[in-house]
Protein backbone atom coordinates (compact mmCIF):
# COMPACT_ATOMS: atom_id res chain seq x y z
CA MET A 1 -5.77 7.20 -48.51
CA ILE A 2 -7.73 5.54 -46.08
CA TRP A 3 -10.54 3.00 -47.44
CA LEU A 4 -13.48 1.83 -45.49
CA ASP A 5 -14.39 -1.60 -46.40
CA ILE A 6 -17.81 -1.96 -46.27
CA GLU A 7 -18.56 -5.62 -47.10
CA GLY A 8 -20.05 -8.64 -44.82
CA PRO A 9 -23.74 -7.89 -44.28
CA GLY A 10 -25.21 -9.95 -41.54
CA THR A 11 -21.60 -10.95 -40.72
CA TYR A 12 -19.91 -7.31 -39.63
CA TRP A 13 -23.08 -5.52 -39.86
CA GLY A 14 -26.24 -5.34 -37.75
CA SER A 15 -29.66 -5.13 -39.98
CA ASN A 16 -30.43 -1.38 -38.81
CA GLN A 17 -29.44 0.13 -42.05
CA ALA A 18 -29.82 3.83 -40.59
CA ALA A 19 -27.46 2.58 -37.66
CA ASN A 20 -25.17 1.63 -40.23
CA GLN A 21 -25.34 4.66 -42.14
CA ASN A 22 -24.71 6.76 -39.26
CA PHE A 23 -21.69 4.57 -38.30
CA ILE A 24 -20.07 4.68 -41.65
CA GLY A 25 -20.76 8.22 -42.09
CA ALA A 26 -19.05 9.02 -38.68
CA LEU A 27 -15.93 7.33 -39.90
CA ALA A 28 -15.62 8.79 -42.84
CA ALA A 29 -16.16 12.47 -41.17
CA GLU A 30 -13.69 11.67 -38.67
CA GLY A 31 -10.93 10.49 -40.90
CA ALA A 32 -11.39 13.93 -43.34
CA LYS A 33 -11.40 15.86 -40.02
CA LEU A 34 -8.20 14.45 -39.31
CA GLY A 35 -6.93 15.39 -42.76
CA TYR A 36 -7.10 12.00 -44.26
CA LYS A 37 -8.44 11.30 -47.94
CA ILE A 38 -11.29 8.86 -47.56
CA GLY A 39 -12.50 6.36 -50.23
CA VAL A 40 -15.00 3.52 -50.14
CA TYR A 41 -14.05 0.00 -50.98
CA THR A 42 -17.47 -2.08 -51.48
CA SER A 43 -19.93 -3.32 -54.29
CA ALA A 44 -23.39 -3.33 -55.04
CA SER A 45 -24.09 -6.54 -53.58
CA GLN A 46 -22.59 -5.86 -50.14
CA TRP A 47 -23.27 -1.92 -49.87
CA SER A 48 -27.03 -2.07 -50.47
CA PRO A 49 -27.79 -4.97 -47.61
CA ILE A 50 -25.83 -2.88 -45.30
CA VAL A 51 -26.98 0.70 -45.90
CA GLY A 52 -29.81 0.44 -48.52
CA SER A 53 -29.98 3.00 -51.07
CA TRP A 54 -28.20 5.76 -49.08
CA SER A 55 -25.86 7.93 -50.91
CA GLY A 56 -24.09 9.82 -48.10
CA LEU A 57 -20.58 9.13 -49.45
CA SER A 58 -21.20 9.18 -53.11
CA SER A 59 -18.67 12.32 -53.02
CA LEU A 60 -16.09 10.01 -52.00
CA PRO A 61 -14.23 7.65 -54.39
CA VAL A 62 -15.61 4.13 -54.62
CA TRP A 63 -13.59 1.17 -55.28
CA TYR A 64 -15.81 -1.59 -56.21
CA ALA A 65 -15.35 -5.36 -56.35
CA HIS A 66 -16.51 -7.49 -59.15
CA TYR A 67 -14.28 -10.75 -59.91
CA ASP A 68 -14.66 -10.97 -63.60
CA ASN A 69 -11.12 -11.16 -64.99
CA THR A 70 -11.68 -8.04 -66.70
CA GLN A 71 -9.53 -5.05 -66.46
CA ASN A 72 -12.18 -2.25 -67.49
CA PHE A 73 -15.14 -0.67 -65.99
CA ASN A 74 -17.61 -1.87 -68.36
CA ASP A 75 -19.57 -3.86 -65.83
CA PHE A 76 -20.16 -0.94 -63.42
CA LYS A 77 -23.74 0.11 -62.70
CA PRO A 78 -24.22 3.05 -60.69
CA PHE A 79 -24.92 2.35 -56.79
CA GLY A 80 -24.96 4.29 -53.55
CA GLY A 81 -24.71 7.60 -55.53
CA TRP A 82 -21.92 6.73 -57.44
CA SER A 83 -22.08 7.22 -61.19
CA HIS A 84 -18.28 6.03 -61.79
CA PRO A 85 -15.49 4.15 -59.97
CA TYR A 86 -12.14 5.10 -59.08
CA ALA A 87 -10.92 1.43 -59.24
CA LYS A 88 -12.23 -2.12 -59.41
CA GLN A 89 -10.70 -5.23 -57.99
CA PHE A 90 -11.21 -7.58 -60.40
CA ALA A 91 -9.54 -10.74 -59.68
CA ASP A 92 -7.70 -12.66 -56.82
CA GLY A 93 -4.34 -13.90 -57.85
CA PRO A 94 -1.76 -16.53 -56.85
CA ALA A 95 -0.04 -15.87 -54.02
CA VAL A 96 3.17 -13.28 -54.11
CA CYS A 97 5.96 -14.53 -51.38
CA GLY A 98 3.42 -16.81 -49.80
CA VAL A 99 0.42 -14.10 -49.36
CA GLY A 100 -2.61 -13.90 -51.19
CA ALA A 101 -2.86 -11.14 -53.63
CA ASP A 102 -5.85 -9.48 -55.17
CA HIS A 103 -5.83 -7.86 -58.75
CA ASN A 104 -6.87 -4.07 -58.99
CA TYR A 105 -7.79 -1.95 -61.99
CA ARG A 106 -7.37 1.88 -62.41
CA PRO A 107 -6.80 3.84 -65.49
């Protein structure tokens, strides 16, 4: 599976939300055309400034980030057309073999 990492508004993305929507949509479409399963890694606070209220990828799984140290989806609030998440990144953790590792939850 390929996850599109959609974060960094103002840093990695321009302010034209329609252009961002078209670019992200084209990435997802090309990946699917090549036979890959596509998912979206983002959070509501990152998604909205980049693409607005666009729900064009809501048929894909969403892996959202919310660093609350809680291994459940009780904090998930719908955004981008997603009503339920696929996975959650809930904490950054200590280095493993000298490399930073994030903690994720998937029931």
